[in-house]
Amino acid sequence: MSLTLSPHQLVHALNWRYATKKFDPAKKIPAEMWEALEQSLILAPSSIGLQPWRFVVVTDPAVKAQLVSASFRQTQAADCSHFVALAVRRDLGADHVDRHIQRMVEVRGVALESLAKFRAMTMGNLEKARAAGTLDTWQTHQIYIALGQFMACAAVLGIDTCPMEGIEPAKYDEILGLAGTEYATVVACAAGYRLEDDKYAVAKKVRFKAEEVIVRI
């Protein structure tokens, strides 16, 4: 299968993308498009393939309105087509690892016994991180890989996004039913279509020059 997106098209899409401040609440992402974006989340890479996350997709207007109050009154949560809260699986342990391994057996058709070394290596890495007090931080970092992939894929499809760290995670957890579970909100992202009068849509991107940020050896 050959890729049809040219280098020029990719860079154009990334230049077109911006953190959308004003969404058009009347425009909704078509089902086929949204299904592709959900797949971009599902297919996101993660350390050791553990996928330590849950993605809560919100389209209910009443719930989205509640999230505005937990987002320091940022209206993107209410006005966008689809709103995603990206949550991390805290205190990752053997139950999650075994779930991942069972999925490997199911998908790849390998014997459970053949994954014993992989399980031991994975558990060893998790326990080292737990002992160092960095386990949740390590897994939280994975969330941003999924977020980046989601936003890039949306841009290629001509869908606007706005990543949002200016939120109150604990309030999100209460609203979205995550409180008291193993999952905790880390960041959110609005997706939809920009309003024509959003002045930031035409503002030139300000980035450091390539020679200042790219080192070629």
N, C-alpha and C. Protein backbone atom coordinates (compact mmCIF):
# COMPACT_ATOMS: atom_id res chain seq x y z
N MET A 1 0.84 -1.19 0.00
CA MET A 1 0.00 0.00 0.00
C MET A 1 0.88 1.25 0.00
N SER A 2 0.73 2.07 -1.01
CA SER A 2 1.54 3.28 -1.11
C SER A 2 0.84 4.45 -0.42
N LEU A 3 1.65 5.37 0.12
CA LEU A 3 1.10 6.55 0.74
C LEU A 3 0.86 7.62 -0.33
N THR A 4 -0.28 8.28 -0.26
CA THR A 4 -0.63 9.23 -1.30
C THR A 4 -0.40 10.68 -0.89
N LEU A 5 -0.11 10.91 0.38
CA LEU A 5 0.12 12.28 0.85
C LEU A 5 1.53 12.71 0.49
N SER A 6 1.65 13.81 -0.22
CA SER A 6 2.98 14.29 -0.61
C SER A 6 3.61 15.08 0.53
N PRO A 7 4.94 15.24 0.51
CA PRO A 7 5.59 16.07 1.53
C PRO A 7 5.00 17.48 1.58
N HIS A 8 4.71 18.04 0.42
CA HIS A 8 4.13 19.39 0.37
C HIS A 8 2.77 19.42 1.05
N GLN A 9 1.96 18.42 0.80
CA GLN A 9 0.63 18.37 1.41
C GLN A 9 0.71 18.25 2.92
N LEU A 10 1.67 17.45 3.38
CA LEU A 10 1.83 17.29 4.83
C LEU A 10 2.21 18.60 5.49
N VAL A 11 3.21 19.28 4.94
CA VAL A 11 3.65 20.55 5.53
C VAL A 11 2.54 21.59 5.44
N HIS A 12 1.80 21.57 4.35
CA HIS A 12 0.68 22.51 4.20
C HIS A 12 -0.35 22.28 5.31
N ALA A 13 -0.67 21.01 5.57
CA ALA A 13 -1.65 20.70 6.61
C ALA A 13 -1.18 21.15 7.98
N LEU A 14 0.11 20.99 8.24
CA LEU A 14 0.65 21.38 9.54
C LEU A 14 0.71 22.89 9.69
N ASN A 15 0.91 23.59 8.60
CA ASN A 15 0.87 25.05 8.64
C ASN A 15 -0.56 25.55 8.78
N TRP A 16 -1.50 24.84 8.19
CA TRP A 16 -2.92 25.19 8.28
C TRP A 16 -3.45 25.03 9.70
N ARG A 17 -2.93 24.03 10.40
CA ARG A 17 -3.37 23.73 11.76
C ARG A 17 -2.99 24.85 12.72
N TYR A 18 -3.86 25.13 13.65
CA TYR A 18 -3.53 26.06 14.74
C TYR A 18 -4.43 25.71 15.92
N ALA A 19 -4.12 26.22 17.09
CA ALA A 19 -4.94 25.97 18.27
C ALA A 19 -6.21 26.81 18.16
N THR A 20 -7.25 26.20 17.67
CA THR A 20 -8.49 26.91 17.34
C THR A 20 -9.14 27.49 18.59
N LYS A 21 -9.40 28.77 18.54
CA LYS A 21 -10.00 29.45 19.68
C LYS A 21 -11.53 29.49 19.58
N LYS A 22 -12.05 29.57 18.34
CA LYS A 22 -13.49 29.69 18.14
C LYS A 22 -13.97 28.62 17.16
N PHE A 23 -14.76 27.69 17.68
CA PHE A 23 -15.33 26.64 16.84
C PHE A 23 -16.74 27.02 16.39
N ASP A 24 -17.12 26.52 15.23
CA ASP A 24 -18.48 26.70 14.74
C ASP A 24 -19.35 25.59 15.31
N PRO A 25 -20.24 25.89 16.26
CA PRO A 25 -21.03 24.84 16.90
C PRO A 25 -22.03 24.17 15.96
N ALA A 26 -22.29 24.77 14.81
CA ALA A 26 -23.24 24.21 13.86
C ALA A 26 -22.62 23.14 12.97
N LYS A 27 -21.28 23.08 12.93
CA LYS A 27 -20.61 22.13 12.05
C LYS A 27 -20.12 20.91 12.84
N LYS A 28 -20.53 19.74 12.39
CA LYS A 28 -20.17 18.50 13.05
C LYS A 28 -19.24 17.66 12.17
N ILE A 29 -18.34 16.95 12.79
CA ILE A 29 -17.43 16.08 12.07
C ILE A 29 -18.21 14.87 11.55
N PRO A 30 -18.15 14.57 10.26
CA PRO A 30 -18.84 13.40 9.72
C PRO A 30 -18.38 12.11 10.41
N ALA A 31 -19.29 11.15 10.49
CA ALA A 31 -19.01 9.91 11.22
C ALA A 31 -17.77 9.19 10.71
N GLU A 32 -17.60 9.13 9.39
CA GLU A 32 -16.45 8.44 8.82
C GLU A 32 -15.15 9.12 9.21
N MET A 33 -15.16 10.45 9.21
CA MET A 33 -13.98 11.21 9.62
C MET A 33 -13.66 10.95 11.09
N TRP A 34 -14.70 10.98 11.91
CA TRP A 34 -14.46 10.79 13.34
C TRP A 34 -13.95 9.39 13.64
N GLU A 35 -14.48 8.41 12.92
CA GLU A 35 -14.01 7.04 13.12
C GLU A 35 -12.52 6.94 12.83
N ALA A 36 -12.05 7.65 11.79
CA ALA A 36 -10.62 7.65 11.47
C ALA A 36 -9.82 8.30 12.59
N LEU A 37 -10.36 9.37 13.17
CA LEU A 37 -9.64 10.04 14.26
C LEU A 37 -9.60 9.18 15.52
N GLU A 38 -10.67 8.44 15.76
CA GLU A 38 -10.63 7.51 16.90
C GLU A 38 -9.56 6.45 16.66
N GLN A 39 -9.43 6.00 15.41
CA GLN A 39 -8.39 5.02 15.10
C GLN A 39 -7.00 5.62 15.32
N SER A 40 -6.85 6.92 15.07
CA SER A 40 -5.54 7.55 15.30
C SER A 40 -5.17 7.50 16.77
N LEU A 41 -6.16 7.54 17.65
CA LEU A 41 -5.91 7.40 19.08
C LEU A 41 -5.59 5.94 19.43
N ILE A 42 -6.39 5.04 18.91
CA ILE A 42 -6.19 3.62 19.19
C ILE A 42 -4.83 3.15 18.70
N LEU A 43 -4.40 3.67 17.54
CA LEU A 43 -3.15 3.23 16.92
C LEU A 43 -1.92 4.01 17.38
N ALA A 44 -2.09 4.93 18.31
CA ALA A 44 -0.96 5.72 18.80
C ALA A 44 0.08 4.82 19.47
N PRO A 45 1.37 5.10 19.26
CA PRO A 45 2.41 4.30 19.90
C PRO A 45 2.54 4.63 21.38
N SER A 46 3.02 3.66 22.13
CA SER A 46 3.27 3.87 23.56
C SER A 46 4.43 3.01 24.00
N SER A 47 5.05 3.38 25.10
CA SER A 47 6.21 2.66 25.61
C SER A 47 5.84 1.21 25.93
N ILE A 48 6.60 0.28 25.39
CA ILE A 48 6.38 -1.17 25.52
C ILE A 48 4.99 -1.56 24.98
N GLY A 49 4.35 -0.66 24.27
CA GLY A 49 3.03 -0.95 23.71
C GLY A 49 1.93 -1.07 24.74
N LEU A 50 2.13 -0.52 25.95
CA LEU A 50 1.20 -0.76 27.05
C LEU A 50 -0.11 0.03 26.97
N GLN A 51 -0.15 1.08 26.15
CA GLN A 51 -1.38 1.84 25.97
C GLN A 51 -2.04 2.20 27.33
N PRO A 52 -1.32 2.98 28.15
CA PRO A 52 -1.80 3.25 29.51
C PRO A 52 -2.82 4.38 29.54
N TRP A 53 -3.91 4.23 28.79
CA TRP A 53 -4.81 5.37 28.63
C TRP A 53 -6.25 4.97 28.44
N ARG A 54 -7.08 5.98 28.52
CA ARG A 54 -8.49 5.89 28.13
C ARG A 54 -8.85 7.24 27.53
N PHE A 55 -9.61 7.21 26.44
CA PHE A 55 -10.01 8.43 25.75
C PHE A 55 -11.53 8.58 25.89
N VAL A 56 -11.95 9.62 26.57
CA VAL A 56 -13.38 9.85 26.79
C VAL A 56 -13.86 10.86 25.75
N VAL A 57 -14.70 10.41 24.83
CA VAL A 57 -15.21 11.26 23.75
C VAL A 57 -16.56 11.82 24.18
N VAL A 58 -16.67 13.14 24.17
CA VAL A 58 -17.88 13.80 24.66
C VAL A 58 -18.56 14.55 23.51
N THR A 59 -19.81 14.20 23.25
CA THR A 59 -20.62 14.93 22.27
C THR A 59 -21.93 15.43 22.88
N ASP A 60 -22.26 14.96 24.08
CA ASP A 60 -23.48 15.38 24.76
C ASP A 60 -23.36 16.86 25.14
N PRO A 61 -24.24 17.73 24.62
CA PRO A 61 -24.15 19.17 24.90
C PRO A 61 -24.17 19.51 26.39
N ALA A 62 -24.95 18.77 27.16
CA ALA A 62 -25.05 19.05 28.59
C ALA A 62 -23.73 18.76 29.30
N VAL A 63 -23.09 17.67 28.93
CA VAL A 63 -21.80 17.32 29.55
C VAL A 63 -20.73 18.29 29.09
N LYS A 64 -20.75 18.65 27.81
CA LYS A 64 -19.77 19.62 27.30
C LYS A 64 -19.91 20.96 28.02
N ALA A 65 -21.13 21.36 28.31
CA ALA A 65 -21.35 22.62 29.03
C ALA A 65 -20.75 22.55 30.43
N GLN A 66 -20.87 21.40 31.08
CA GLN A 66 -20.26 21.24 32.41
C GLN A 66 -18.74 21.35 32.33
N LEU A 67 -18.18 20.83 31.24
CA LEU A 67 -16.73 20.85 31.10
C LEU A 67 -16.19 22.26 30.89
N VAL A 68 -17.01 23.15 30.35
CA VAL A 68 -16.58 24.54 30.20
C VAL A 68 -16.26 25.13 31.57
N SER A 69 -17.09 24.83 32.54
CA SER A 69 -16.87 25.36 33.89
C SER A 69 -15.62 24.78 34.54
N ALA A 70 -15.19 23.60 34.06
CA ALA A 70 -13.97 22.98 34.58
C ALA A 70 -12.78 23.27 33.69
N SER A 71 -12.98 24.19 32.73
CA SER A 71 -11.92 24.56 31.78
C SER A 71 -11.65 26.06 31.83
N PHE A 72 -11.89 26.65 33.00
CA PHE A 72 -11.67 28.09 33.20
C PHE A 72 -12.44 28.91 32.16
N ARG A 73 -13.68 28.44 31.90
CA ARG A 73 -14.63 29.14 31.02
C ARG A 73 -14.20 29.17 29.55
N GLN A 74 -13.29 28.31 29.15
CA GLN A 74 -12.93 28.23 27.74
C GLN A 74 -14.07 27.53 26.99
N THR A 75 -14.60 28.20 25.99
CA THR A 75 -15.83 27.71 25.34
C THR A 75 -15.59 26.65 24.27
N GLN A 76 -14.34 26.35 23.97
CA GLN A 76 -14.08 25.33 22.95
C GLN A 76 -14.74 24.01 23.31
N ALA A 77 -14.77 23.69 24.60
CA ALA A 77 -15.36 22.43 25.03
C ALA A 77 -16.82 22.31 24.62
N ALA A 78 -17.55 23.42 24.64
CA ALA A 78 -18.97 23.40 24.30
C ALA A 78 -19.21 23.56 22.81
N ASP A 79 -18.39 24.36 22.16
CA ASP A 79 -18.66 24.73 20.76
C ASP A 79 -18.12 23.74 19.74
N CYS A 80 -17.16 22.94 20.12
CA CYS A 80 -16.57 22.00 19.16
C CYS A 80 -17.55 20.87 18.84
N SER A 81 -17.21 20.10 17.83
CA SER A 81 -18.04 18.95 17.45
C SER A 81 -17.84 17.79 18.43
N HIS A 82 -16.59 17.41 18.62
CA HIS A 82 -16.24 16.31 19.51
C HIS A 82 -15.15 16.79 20.48
N PHE A 83 -15.32 16.45 21.74
CA PHE A 83 -14.35 16.85 22.76
C PHE A 83 -13.79 15.59 23.40
N VAL A 84 -12.47 15.52 23.49
CA VAL A 84 -11.81 14.32 24.00
C VAL A 84 -11.02 14.63 25.26
N ALA A 85 -11.28 13.88 26.30
CA ALA A 85 -10.45 13.93 27.51
C ALA A 85 -9.52 12.73 27.48
N LEU A 86 -8.23 12.99 27.60
CA LEU A 86 -7.23 11.93 27.55
C LEU A 86 -6.79 11.62 28.97
N ALA A 87 -7.03 10.40 29.40
CA ALA A 87 -6.78 10.01 30.79
C ALA A 87 -5.70 8.94 30.87
N VAL A 88 -4.91 8.99 31.93
CA VAL A 88 -3.83 8.02 32.13
C VAL A 88 -4.27 6.93 33.09
N ARG A 89 -3.76 5.73 32.87
CA ARG A 89 -3.98 4.61 33.79
C ARG A 89 -2.92 4.72 34.88
N ARG A 90 -3.37 5.03 36.09
CA ARG A 90 -2.45 5.25 37.19
C ARG A 90 -1.99 3.93 37.83
N ASP A 91 -0.84 3.98 38.47
CA ASP A 91 -0.32 2.84 39.25
C ASP A 91 -0.37 1.56 38.43
N LEU A 92 0.17 1.63 37.23
CA LEU A 92 0.14 0.50 36.30
C LEU A 92 0.77 -0.73 36.94
N GLY A 93 0.10 -1.87 36.81
CA GLY A 93 0.60 -3.08 37.46
C GLY A 93 0.36 -4.33 36.64
N ALA A 94 0.42 -5.47 37.31
CA ALA A 94 0.35 -6.77 36.64
C ALA A 94 -0.97 -6.98 35.92
N ASP A 95 -2.07 -6.46 36.47
CA ASP A 95 -3.36 -6.68 35.82
C ASP A 95 -3.39 -6.07 34.42
N HIS A 96 -2.82 -4.87 34.29
CA HIS A 96 -2.81 -4.22 32.98
C HIS A 96 -1.83 -4.93 32.04
N VAL A 97 -0.68 -5.31 32.55
CA VAL A 97 0.30 -6.02 31.73
C VAL A 97 -0.28 -7.33 31.21
N ASP A 98 -0.96 -8.07 32.08
CA ASP A 98 -1.54 -9.35 31.67
C ASP A 98 -2.66 -9.14 30.65
N ARG A 99 -3.40 -8.06 30.80
CA ARG A 99 -4.44 -7.73 29.81
C ARG A 99 -3.80 -7.47 28.44
N HIS A 100 -2.69 -6.75 28.45
CA HIS A 100 -1.98 -6.46 27.20
C HIS A 100 -1.45 -7.75 26.58
N ILE A 101 -0.89 -8.62 27.40
CA ILE A 101 -0.34 -9.88 26.90
C ILE A 101 -1.45 -10.77 26.33
N GLN A 102 -2.58 -10.81 26.98
CA GLN A 102 -3.70 -11.61 26.46
C GLN A 102 -4.15 -11.07 25.10
N ARG A 103 -4.09 -9.77 24.95
CA ARG A 103 -4.45 -9.17 23.66
C ARG A 103 -3.42 -9.54 22.59
N MET A 104 -2.15 -9.61 22.96
CA MET A 104 -1.10 -10.04 22.03
C MET A 104 -1.35 -11.48 21.58
N VAL A 105 -1.73 -12.33 22.51
CA VAL A 105 -2.04 -13.73 22.18
C VAL A 105 -3.21 -13.78 21.20
N GLU A 106 -4.23 -12.98 21.47
CA GLU A 106 -5.43 -12.97 20.64
C GLU A 106 -5.14 -12.46 19.23
N VAL A 107 -4.40 -11.35 19.13
CA VAL A 107 -4.19 -10.71 17.84
C VAL A 107 -3.12 -11.42 17.00
N ARG A 108 -2.05 -11.83 17.65
CA ARG A 108 -0.92 -12.40 16.90
C ARG A 108 -0.92 -13.93 16.85
N GLY A 109 -1.78 -14.54 17.64
CA GLY A 109 -1.89 -15.99 17.61
C GLY A 109 -0.67 -16.71 18.17
N VAL A 110 0.02 -16.07 19.09
CA VAL A 110 1.20 -16.70 19.70
C VAL A 110 0.80 -17.40 20.99
N ALA A 111 1.65 -18.28 21.45
CA ALA A 111 1.40 -18.99 22.70
C ALA A 111 1.68 -18.08 23.89
N LEU A 112 0.85 -18.19 24.91
CA LEU A 112 1.03 -17.37 26.11
C LEU A 112 2.41 -17.58 26.72
N GLU A 113 2.87 -18.83 26.70
CA GLU A 113 4.15 -19.16 27.30
C GLU A 113 5.32 -18.45 26.61
N SER A 114 5.15 -18.15 25.33
CA SER A 114 6.23 -17.52 24.57
C SER A 114 6.46 -16.07 24.99
N LEU A 115 5.53 -15.52 25.75
CA LEU A 115 5.63 -14.12 26.16
C LEU A 115 6.10 -13.96 27.60
N ALA A 116 6.57 -15.03 28.18
CA ALA A 116 7.00 -14.99 29.59
C ALA A 116 8.16 -14.01 29.80
N LYS A 117 9.14 -14.03 28.91
CA LYS A 117 10.28 -13.11 29.06
C LYS A 117 9.84 -11.66 28.88
N PHE A 118 8.95 -11.46 27.93
CA PHE A 118 8.43 -10.11 27.70
C PHE A 118 7.70 -9.61 28.94
N ARG A 119 6.91 -10.47 29.56
CA ARG A 119 6.18 -10.08 30.77
C ARG A 119 7.15 -9.74 31.89
N ALA A 120 8.17 -10.57 32.06
CA ALA A 120 9.14 -10.33 33.14
C ALA A 120 9.87 -9.02 32.91
N MET A 121 10.26 -8.73 31.67
CA MET A 121 10.95 -7.48 31.36
C MET A 121 10.04 -6.29 31.63
N THR A 122 8.79 -6.40 31.20
CA THR A 122 7.85 -5.30 31.39
C THR A 122 7.60 -5.03 32.86
N MET A 123 7.33 -6.08 33.62
CA MET A 123 7.09 -5.91 35.05
C MET A 123 8.33 -5.36 35.75
N GLY A 124 9.51 -5.77 35.32
CA GLY A 124 10.74 -5.25 35.91
C GLY A 124 10.87 -3.75 35.70
N ASN A 125 10.57 -3.29 34.48
CA ASN A 125 10.64 -1.86 34.19
C ASN A 125 9.61 -1.07 35.00
N LEU A 126 8.41 -1.61 35.12
CA LEU A 126 7.37 -0.92 35.89
C LEU A 126 7.75 -0.83 37.36
N GLU A 127 8.28 -1.92 37.89
CA GLU A 127 8.64 -1.93 39.31
C GLU A 127 9.80 -0.99 39.60
N LYS A 128 10.75 -0.88 38.68
CA LYS A 128 11.85 0.07 38.86
C LYS A 128 11.32 1.50 38.89
N ALA A 129 10.40 1.79 37.99
CA ALA A 129 9.81 3.12 37.95
C ALA A 129 8.98 3.38 39.19
N ARG A 130 8.26 2.37 39.66
CA ARG A 130 7.45 2.53 40.86
C ARG A 130 8.34 2.82 42.06
N ALA A 131 9.45 2.10 42.18
CA ALA A 131 10.38 2.30 43.30
C ALA A 131 11.01 3.68 43.25
N ALA A 132 11.20 4.21 42.04
CA ALA A 132 11.79 5.54 41.89
C ALA A 132 10.76 6.65 42.02
N GLY A 133 9.50 6.28 42.12
CA GLY A 133 8.43 7.27 42.23
C GLY A 133 8.10 7.96 40.91
N THR A 134 8.46 7.34 39.79
CA THR A 134 8.25 7.97 38.48
C THR A 134 7.25 7.22 37.59
N LEU A 135 6.60 6.21 38.12
CA LEU A 135 5.74 5.36 37.29
C LEU A 135 4.61 6.15 36.63
N ASP A 136 3.86 6.91 37.42
CA ASP A 136 2.75 7.66 36.85
C ASP A 136 3.23 8.74 35.89
N THR A 137 4.37 9.35 36.21
CA THR A 137 4.94 10.37 35.31
C THR A 137 5.31 9.75 33.98
N TRP A 138 5.95 8.60 34.01
CA TRP A 138 6.34 7.88 32.78
C TRP A 138 5.12 7.60 31.93
N GLN A 139 4.08 7.08 32.55
CA GLN A 139 2.90 6.73 31.78
C GLN A 139 2.16 7.97 31.27
N THR A 140 2.16 9.03 32.07
CA THR A 140 1.51 10.27 31.64
C THR A 140 2.16 10.82 30.38
N HIS A 141 3.48 10.66 30.26
CA HIS A 141 4.17 11.13 29.06
C HIS A 141 3.59 10.48 27.80
N GLN A 142 3.11 9.24 27.92
CA GLN A 142 2.58 8.54 26.75
C GLN A 142 1.33 9.23 26.20
N ILE A 143 0.58 9.87 27.07
CA ILE A 143 -0.65 10.54 26.66
C ILE A 143 -0.38 11.59 25.59
N TYR A 144 0.75 12.27 25.74
CA TYR A 144 1.06 13.35 24.80
C TYR A 144 1.46 12.83 23.43
N ILE A 145 1.95 11.59 23.37
CA ILE A 145 2.20 10.97 22.07
C ILE A 145 0.87 10.79 21.34
N ALA A 146 -0.13 10.28 22.06
CA ALA A 146 -1.45 10.08 21.45
C ALA A 146 -2.07 11.41 21.05
N LEU A 147 -1.92 12.42 21.89
CA LEU A 147 -2.47 13.74 21.58
C LEU A 147 -1.84 14.30 20.31
N GLY A 148 -0.53 14.21 20.20
CA GLY A 148 0.16 14.73 19.02
C GLY A 148 -0.29 14.02 17.75
N GLN A 149 -0.42 12.70 17.84
CA GLN A 149 -0.86 11.94 16.66
C GLN A 149 -2.28 12.33 16.27
N PHE A 150 -3.14 12.48 17.25
CA PHE A 150 -4.52 12.87 17.00
C PHE A 150 -4.60 14.22 16.29
N MET A 151 -3.84 15.19 16.77
CA MET A 151 -3.89 16.53 16.18
C MET A 151 -3.31 16.55 14.77
N ALA A 152 -2.22 15.82 14.54
CA ALA A 152 -1.63 15.78 13.21
C ALA A 152 -2.57 15.12 12.22
N CYS A 153 -3.19 14.02 12.63
CA CYS A 153 -4.12 13.33 11.74
C CYS A 153 -5.34 14.20 11.45
N ALA A 154 -5.81 14.93 12.45
CA ALA A 154 -6.94 15.83 12.23
C ALA A 154 -6.58 16.89 11.20
N ALA A 155 -5.38 17.44 11.29
CA ALA A 155 -4.95 18.47 10.35
C ALA A 155 -4.94 17.93 8.92
N VAL A 156 -4.46 16.71 8.75
CA VAL A 156 -4.41 16.09 7.42
C VAL A 156 -5.82 15.92 6.86
N LEU A 157 -6.79 15.69 7.74
CA LEU A 157 -8.18 15.51 7.31
C LEU A 157 -8.94 16.84 7.21
N GLY A 158 -8.26 17.94 7.51
CA GLY A 158 -8.91 19.24 7.44
C GLY A 158 -9.84 19.52 8.60
N ILE A 159 -9.52 18.92 9.74
CA ILE A 159 -10.33 19.10 10.95
C ILE A 159 -9.52 19.90 11.96
N ASP A 160 -10.15 20.90 12.55
CA ASP A 160 -9.47 21.77 13.52
C ASP A 160 -9.44 21.14 14.90
N THR A 161 -8.40 21.49 15.64
CA THR A 161 -8.27 21.01 17.01
C THR A 161 -7.75 22.12 17.91
N CYS A 162 -7.93 21.92 19.20
CA CYS A 162 -7.33 22.81 20.19
C CYS A 162 -6.96 21.97 21.41
N PRO A 163 -5.65 21.75 21.66
CA PRO A 163 -5.25 21.03 22.86
C PRO A 163 -5.47 21.93 24.07
N MET A 164 -5.91 21.34 25.18
CA MET A 164 -6.24 22.14 26.35
C MET A 164 -5.66 21.53 27.62
N GLU A 165 -4.63 22.19 28.15
CA GLU A 165 -4.11 21.83 29.46
C GLU A 165 -4.68 22.75 30.53
N GLY A 166 -5.31 23.85 30.10
CA GLY A 166 -5.93 24.76 31.05
C GLY A 166 -7.27 24.23 31.52
N ILE A 167 -7.19 23.13 32.25
CA ILE A 167 -8.40 22.48 32.75
C ILE A 167 -8.18 22.09 34.21
N GLU A 168 -9.25 21.73 34.88
CA GLU A 168 -9.18 21.24 36.25
C GLU A 168 -9.41 19.74 36.22
N PRO A 169 -8.34 18.95 36.18
CA PRO A 169 -8.46 17.51 35.99
C PRO A 169 -9.39 16.81 36.99
N ALA A 170 -9.32 17.20 38.25
CA ALA A 170 -10.17 16.54 39.25
C ALA A 170 -11.65 16.76 38.95
N LYS A 171 -12.00 17.96 38.50
CA LYS A 171 -13.39 18.25 38.15
C LYS A 171 -13.79 17.47 36.90
N TYR A 172 -12.88 17.37 35.96
CA TYR A 172 -13.14 16.54 34.77
C TYR A 172 -13.46 15.11 35.18
N ASP A 173 -12.65 14.58 36.09
CA ASP A 173 -12.85 13.20 36.53
C ASP A 173 -14.23 13.01 37.14
N GLU A 174 -14.68 13.99 37.91
CA GLU A 174 -16.01 13.91 38.51
C GLU A 174 -17.10 13.93 37.44
N ILE A 175 -16.98 14.84 36.49
CA ILE A 175 -17.98 15.01 35.44
C ILE A 175 -18.04 13.79 34.53
N LEU A 176 -16.88 13.23 34.23
CA LEU A 176 -16.79 12.14 33.25
C LEU A 176 -16.85 10.75 33.87
N GLY A 177 -17.05 10.67 35.16
CA GLY A 177 -17.18 9.37 35.81
C GLY A 177 -15.87 8.64 36.01
N LEU A 178 -14.76 9.37 36.01
CA LEU A 178 -13.46 8.74 36.21
C LEU A 178 -13.02 8.75 37.67
N ALA A 179 -13.62 9.61 38.48
CA ALA A 179 -13.25 9.70 39.89
C ALA A 179 -13.46 8.34 40.55
N GLY A 180 -12.46 7.90 41.31
CA GLY A 180 -12.54 6.62 42.00
C GLY A 180 -12.13 5.44 41.15
N THR A 181 -11.75 5.68 39.89
CA THR A 181 -11.27 4.62 39.01
C THR A 181 -9.75 4.68 38.91
N GLU A 182 -9.19 3.79 38.10
CA GLU A 182 -7.74 3.78 37.92
C GLU A 182 -7.28 4.87 36.97
N TYR A 183 -8.22 5.58 36.35
CA TYR A 183 -7.88 6.56 35.32
C TYR A 183 -8.05 7.98 35.83
N ALA A 184 -7.18 8.87 35.31
CA ALA A 184 -7.23 10.28 35.70
C ALA A 184 -6.97 11.15 34.48
N THR A 185 -7.77 12.19 34.31
CA THR A 185 -7.60 13.09 33.19
C THR A 185 -6.25 13.79 33.23
N VAL A 186 -5.61 13.89 32.08
CA VAL A 186 -4.32 14.58 31.96
C VAL A 186 -4.48 15.85 31.14
N VAL A 187 -5.11 15.74 29.98
CA VAL A 187 -5.23 16.84 29.04
C VAL A 187 -6.48 16.60 28.21
N ALA A 188 -6.94 17.62 27.51
CA ALA A 188 -8.12 17.47 26.67
C ALA A 188 -7.87 18.07 25.30
N CYS A 189 -8.74 17.74 24.35
CA CYS A 189 -8.58 18.30 23.01
C CYS A 189 -9.94 18.46 22.36
N ALA A 190 -10.21 19.67 21.88
CA ALA A 190 -11.45 19.94 21.15
C ALA A 190 -11.20 19.71 19.67
N ALA A 191 -12.21 19.20 18.96
CA ALA A 191 -12.08 18.95 17.53
C ALA A 191 -13.37 19.38 16.83
N GLY A 192 -13.21 19.98 15.68
CA GLY A 192 -14.37 20.45 14.93
C GLY A 192 -13.94 21.34 13.78
N TYR A 193 -14.67 22.42 13.59
CA TYR A 193 -14.38 23.34 12.48
C TYR A 193 -14.38 24.77 12.97
N ARG A 194 -13.40 25.52 12.54
CA ARG A 194 -13.20 26.90 12.98
C ARG A 194 -14.29 27.83 12.48
N LEU A 195 -14.55 28.87 13.26
CA LEU A 195 -15.40 29.96 12.79
C LEU A 195 -14.57 30.86 11.88
N GLU A 196 -15.21 31.42 10.88
CA GLU A 196 -14.49 32.24 9.92
C GLU A 196 -13.89 33.49 10.55
N ASP A 197 -14.47 33.97 11.65
CA ASP A 197 -13.96 35.20 12.25
C ASP A 197 -12.93 34.97 13.35
N ASP A 198 -12.42 33.74 13.44
CA ASP A 198 -11.36 33.49 14.43
C ASP A 198 -10.07 34.10 13.89
N LYS A 199 -9.65 35.19 14.47
CA LYS A 199 -8.48 35.93 13.96
C LYS A 199 -7.20 35.11 14.00
N TYR A 200 -7.15 34.13 14.89
CA TYR A 200 -5.93 33.34 15.01
C TYR A 200 -5.74 32.39 13.83
N ALA A 201 -6.80 32.17 13.06
CA ALA A 201 -6.71 31.26 11.92
C ALA A 201 -5.78 31.81 10.84
N VAL A 202 -5.67 33.12 10.74
CA VAL A 202 -4.85 33.73 9.69
C VAL A 202 -3.53 34.30 10.22
N ALA A 203 -3.32 34.17 11.50
CA ALA A 203 -2.06 34.67 12.08
C ALA A 203 -0.90 33.77 11.65
N LYS A 204 0.20 34.38 11.25
CA LYS A 204 1.35 33.60 10.83
C LYS A 204 1.95 32.85 12.01
N LYS A 205 2.39 31.63 11.74
CA LYS A 205 3.03 30.85 12.79
C LYS A 205 4.39 31.46 13.15
N VAL A 206 4.66 31.50 14.42
CA VAL A 206 5.95 32.00 14.90
C VAL A 206 6.75 30.80 15.41
N ARG A 207 7.75 30.43 14.68
CA ARG A 207 8.60 29.30 15.04
C ARG A 207 10.06 29.71 14.89
N PHE A 208 10.94 29.13 15.70
CA PHE A 208 12.36 29.36 15.52
C PHE A 208 12.79 28.80 14.18
N LYS A 209 13.85 29.36 13.62
CA LYS A 209 14.36 28.89 12.34
C LYS A 209 14.88 27.46 12.48
N ALA A 210 14.81 26.72 11.38
CA ALA A 210 15.20 25.31 11.38
C ALA A 210 16.61 25.12 11.93
N GLU A 211 17.54 25.99 11.53
CA GLU A 211 18.93 25.83 11.97
C GLU A 211 19.11 26.05 13.47
N GLU A 212 18.10 26.61 14.13
CA GLU A 212 18.18 26.83 15.57
C GLU A 212 17.64 25.65 16.37
N VAL A 213 16.83 24.83 15.74
CA VAL A 213 16.20 23.74 16.49
C VAL A 213 16.53 22.35 15.93
N ILE A 214 17.02 22.30 14.70
CA ILE A 214 17.39 21.02 14.10
C ILE A 214 18.90 20.90 14.07
N VAL A 215 19.43 19.83 14.67
CA VAL A 215 20.86 19.58 14.67
C VAL A 215 21.11 18.35 13.80
N ARG A 216 21.89 18.50 12.77
CA ARG A 216 22.19 17.38 11.88
C ARG A 216 23.64 16.94 12.12
N ILE A 217 23.81 15.67 12.38
CA ILE A 217 25.14 15.12 12.70
C ILE A 217 25.53 14.06 11.68
